[in-house]
N, C-alpha and C. Protein backbone atom coordinates (compact mmCIF):
# COMPACT_ATOMS: atom_id res chain seq x y z
N MET A 1 100.30 -113.25 59.43
CA MET A 1 99.91 -113.14 58.52
C MET A 1 98.19 -114.06 59.09
N LYS A 2 97.32 -112.46 57.65
CA LYS A 2 96.04 -112.64 58.04
C LYS A 2 95.17 -113.13 56.85
N ALA A 3 93.96 -114.31 57.10
CA ALA A 3 93.48 -114.22 55.56
C ALA A 3 92.84 -114.26 55.58
N ASN A 4 91.89 -113.20 55.07
CA ASN A 4 89.89 -113.26 54.83
C ASN A 4 89.47 -113.65 53.68
N VAL A 5 88.80 -114.74 54.46
CA VAL A 5 87.91 -115.64 53.34
C VAL A 5 86.43 -114.82 53.43
N HIS A 6 85.58 -114.72 52.02
CA HIS A 6 84.94 -114.37 51.63
C HIS A 6 83.24 -115.93 50.87
N VAL A 7 82.82 -116.74 50.98
CA VAL A 7 82.08 -117.29 50.57
C VAL A 7 80.75 -116.48 50.07
N THR A 8 80.34 -117.05 48.96
CA THR A 8 79.27 -117.06 48.79
C THR A 8 78.68 -118.10 48.23
N LEU A 9 77.24 -117.50 47.51
CA LEU A 9 76.85 -119.16 46.64
C LEU A 9 76.99 -118.28 45.60
N LYS A 10 76.69 -119.74 44.93
CA LYS A 10 77.58 -119.43 42.71
C LYS A 10 75.88 -119.00 42.48
N ARG A 11 76.48 -117.32 41.23
CA ARG A 11 74.96 -117.45 40.84
C ARG A 11 73.79 -118.41 40.54
N GLY A 12 72.66 -118.01 39.93
CA GLY A 12 71.82 -119.35 39.97
C GLY A 12 71.70 -120.12 40.50
N VAL A 13 72.47 -120.14 42.28
CA VAL A 13 71.70 -121.59 43.28
C VAL A 13 70.77 -119.96 44.16
N LEU A 14 69.67 -120.86 44.49
CA LEU A 14 68.52 -119.96 44.84
C LEU A 14 69.56 -119.65 46.72
N ASP A 15 68.74 -118.82 46.76
CA ASP A 15 69.56 -118.21 47.81
C ASP A 15 67.76 -117.74 49.71
N PRO A 16 67.76 -118.83 50.22
CA PRO A 16 66.43 -118.28 50.60
C PRO A 16 66.76 -117.03 51.52
N GLN A 17 67.69 -117.32 52.45
CA GLN A 17 68.26 -116.70 53.27
C GLN A 17 68.08 -114.91 52.79
N GLY A 18 68.87 -115.51 51.56
CA GLY A 18 69.61 -114.03 51.19
C GLY A 18 67.66 -113.10 50.69
N LYS A 19 66.98 -114.39 50.47
CA LYS A 19 65.23 -113.85 50.56
C LYS A 19 64.71 -113.71 51.39
N ALA A 20 65.61 -113.56 52.15
CA ALA A 20 64.19 -113.38 53.47
C ALA A 20 65.22 -111.97 53.88
N ILE A 21 66.01 -112.12 53.42
CA ILE A 21 67.10 -110.19 54.80
C ILE A 21 65.66 -110.03 53.60
N GLY A 22 66.02 -109.32 52.22
CA GLY A 22 66.12 -108.31 51.05
C GLY A 22 64.11 -108.45 51.52
N HIS A 23 63.43 -109.31 52.00
CA HIS A 23 61.95 -109.48 52.40
C HIS A 23 62.10 -108.14 53.29
N ALA A 24 62.64 -108.92 54.61
CA ALA A 24 63.18 -107.80 55.85
C ALA A 24 63.60 -106.19 55.97
N LEU A 25 64.47 -106.22 55.05
CA LEU A 25 64.65 -105.00 54.73
C LEU A 25 63.27 -104.13 53.71
N HIS A 26 62.51 -104.63 52.74
CA HIS A 26 61.51 -104.31 52.32
C HIS A 26 60.27 -103.32 53.10
N SER A 27 60.37 -104.91 54.04
CA SER A 27 59.19 -104.47 55.00
C SER A 27 59.47 -103.25 55.99
N LEU A 28 61.09 -102.99 56.07
CA LEU A 28 61.68 -102.23 57.28
C LEU A 28 61.73 -100.75 56.05
N GLY A 29 60.94 -100.54 55.01
CA GLY A 29 61.39 -99.64 54.33
C GLY A 29 62.50 -99.48 53.66
N PHE A 30 63.48 -99.84 53.31
CA PHE A 30 64.81 -100.01 52.21
C PHE A 30 64.57 -100.19 50.84
N ASP A 31 63.62 -99.75 50.06
CA ASP A 31 63.46 -100.25 49.02
C ASP A 31 63.32 -99.52 48.11
N GLY A 32 65.34 -99.88 48.00
CA GLY A 32 65.99 -99.28 47.31
C GLY A 32 66.97 -101.02 46.61
N VAL A 33 66.46 -101.29 47.52
CA VAL A 33 67.69 -102.61 47.74
C VAL A 33 66.32 -104.34 46.51
N ASP A 34 67.49 -104.29 44.75
CA ASP A 34 66.53 -104.92 44.63
C ASP A 34 67.04 -106.34 44.92
N GLU A 35 68.20 -106.99 45.11
CA GLU A 35 68.61 -108.48 45.39
C GLU A 35 69.71 -108.53 46.49
N VAL A 36 69.38 -109.41 47.28
CA VAL A 36 69.87 -109.38 48.02
C VAL A 36 70.68 -111.14 48.30
N ARG A 37 71.78 -111.47 48.10
CA ARG A 37 73.33 -112.60 48.69
C ARG A 37 73.29 -112.39 49.52
N GLN A 38 73.53 -113.17 50.69
CA GLN A 38 74.55 -113.79 51.55
C GLN A 38 75.22 -113.96 51.19
N GLY A 39 76.66 -114.31 52.56
CA GLY A 39 77.21 -115.23 52.45
C GLY A 39 78.50 -115.74 53.60
N LYS A 40 79.36 -115.90 54.35
CA LYS A 40 80.49 -115.59 54.94
C LYS A 40 81.22 -115.58 55.29
N PHE A 41 81.58 -114.84 55.89
CA PHE A 41 83.71 -114.30 56.31
C PHE A 41 84.00 -115.23 56.89
N ILE A 42 84.63 -114.99 56.89
CA ILE A 42 85.83 -116.34 58.27
C ILE A 42 87.54 -115.76 57.88
N GLU A 43 87.81 -115.02 58.74
CA GLU A 43 89.24 -114.62 59.77
C GLU A 43 90.86 -115.79 59.51
N LEU A 44 91.36 -116.09 59.17
CA LEU A 44 92.21 -116.78 59.36
C LEU A 44 93.44 -116.51 59.57
N ASP A 45 93.73 -116.32 61.43
CA ASP A 45 95.87 -115.81 61.82
C ASP A 45 96.34 -117.40 61.76
N LEU A 46 97.49 -116.96 60.29
CA LEU A 46 98.01 -117.88 60.32
C LEU A 46 99.06 -117.93 60.23
N ALA A 47 100.34 -118.92 60.42
CA ALA A 47 101.71 -118.88 61.12
C ALA A 47 102.49 -117.92 60.23
N GLU A 48 102.06 -118.97 58.76
CA GLU A 48 103.16 -119.28 58.01
C GLU A 48 103.31 -117.22 57.70
N THR A 49 104.76 -116.61 57.06
CA THR A 49 104.45 -115.96 56.58
C THR A 49 104.54 -115.56 55.65
N ASP A 50 105.15 -117.00 54.27
CA ASP A 50 105.16 -116.20 52.77
C ASP A 50 103.89 -116.32 52.43
N PRO A 51 103.97 -115.15 51.25
CA PRO A 51 102.64 -115.09 51.08
C PRO A 51 101.72 -116.60 49.49
N GLU A 52 102.86 -117.21 48.83
CA GLU A 52 102.05 -117.70 48.01
C GLU A 52 101.57 -118.83 48.81
N ALA A 53 102.72 -119.47 49.60
CA ALA A 53 102.29 -120.27 50.76
C ALA A 53 101.07 -120.55 51.49
N ALA A 54 101.19 -119.70 51.94
CA ALA A 54 99.22 -119.23 52.86
C ALA A 54 98.53 -118.91 52.15
N ARG A 55 98.15 -118.81 50.02
CA ARG A 55 97.72 -118.45 49.13
C ARG A 55 97.18 -120.31 49.41
N LYS A 56 98.03 -120.89 49.32
CA LYS A 56 97.93 -122.35 49.11
C LYS A 56 97.41 -123.19 50.24
N ALA A 57 97.97 -122.31 51.21
CA ALA A 57 97.04 -123.40 52.53
C ALA A 57 95.35 -123.08 52.48
N VAL A 58 95.42 -121.94 52.50
CA VAL A 58 94.23 -121.74 52.38
C VAL A 58 93.38 -122.06 51.51
N GLU A 59 93.85 -122.03 50.60
CA GLU A 59 93.22 -122.32 48.70
C GLU A 59 92.95 -123.60 49.46
N ALA A 60 93.42 -125.51 50.12
CA ALA A 60 93.33 -126.17 50.72
C ALA A 60 92.33 -125.95 51.23
N MET A 61 92.42 -125.35 52.15
CA MET A 61 91.12 -125.09 53.64
C MET A 61 89.94 -125.26 53.00
N CYS A 62 89.76 -123.90 52.01
CA CYS A 62 89.08 -123.90 50.88
C CYS A 62 87.78 -124.52 50.54
N GLN A 63 89.20 -125.98 50.04
CA GLN A 63 88.15 -127.32 49.01
C GLN A 63 87.69 -127.74 50.18
N LYS A 64 88.25 -128.09 51.19
CA LYS A 64 88.04 -129.03 51.33
C LYS A 64 86.84 -129.42 53.07
N LEU A 65 87.06 -128.23 52.97
CA LEU A 65 86.38 -127.73 54.69
C LEU A 65 85.39 -126.50 54.58
N LEU A 66 86.23 -125.05 54.31
CA LEU A 66 85.45 -123.95 54.49
C LEU A 66 84.74 -123.28 53.69
N ALA A 67 84.17 -124.21 52.09
CA ALA A 67 83.89 -123.60 50.92
C ALA A 67 82.91 -125.04 50.14
N ASN A 68 81.23 -124.60 50.10
CA ASN A 68 80.88 -126.52 49.58
C ASN A 68 81.62 -126.12 47.64
N THR A 69 82.20 -126.44 47.74
CA THR A 69 82.45 -125.92 45.81
C THR A 69 81.69 -126.17 44.90
N VAL A 70 80.82 -126.97 45.16
CA VAL A 70 79.67 -127.35 44.33
C VAL A 70 78.69 -126.26 43.84
N ILE A 71 77.91 -125.76 44.94
CA ILE A 71 77.31 -124.63 45.40
C ILE A 71 78.12 -123.25 45.67
N GLU A 72 78.83 -123.62 46.18
CA GLU A 72 79.57 -121.88 46.56
C GLU A 72 80.67 -121.57 46.10
N ASP A 73 81.18 -120.28 45.24
CA ASP A 73 82.44 -119.76 45.53
C ASP A 73 83.21 -118.55 46.37
N TYR A 74 84.14 -118.97 46.24
CA TYR A 74 85.00 -117.90 48.03
C TYR A 74 85.84 -117.40 47.24
N ARG A 75 86.94 -115.57 47.79
CA ARG A 75 87.59 -115.08 47.33
C ARG A 75 88.41 -115.67 49.05
N ILE A 76 89.64 -115.82 48.35
CA ILE A 76 91.27 -114.91 49.83
C ILE A 76 91.38 -113.75 49.92
N ASP A 77 91.80 -113.57 51.09
CA ASP A 77 91.90 -111.36 50.15
C ASP A 77 92.91 -111.79 51.41
N LEU A 78 94.61 -111.81 51.09
CA LEU A 78 95.61 -111.99 52.54
C LEU A 78 96.24 -110.73 52.49
N VAL A 79 96.15 -110.17 54.31
CA VAL A 79 96.32 -108.98 54.48
C VAL A 79 98.21 -109.77 55.76
N GLY A 80 98.76 -108.51 55.70
CA GLY A 80 99.85 -108.67 55.87
C GLY A 80 101.14 -109.42 55.97
C-alpha cells in the first residue's frame, strides 16, 4: 500500500517561500497568480495491507515526525 502525505502551512502562518515563488512568477509574466502557498509531498510505501491500520500508522508518523502540527496541516491519501 502507498500513502501520499501532503503537508502545508496552516492558514495565517507566514509563508516566505510561497511569497518568493509568487514574486518570481509575477516577474516571469504570470500575473494571474494571486497567492502562493508551498508545502511538501511525502510518498511512503507501506508493508501494511489493512487501510485502517495503514492510516493509523501514517497518522502517528505525521504527528511524531512528518509535520510540525503547531504550524502545519497534513492530508493523508492511501493508494492501493
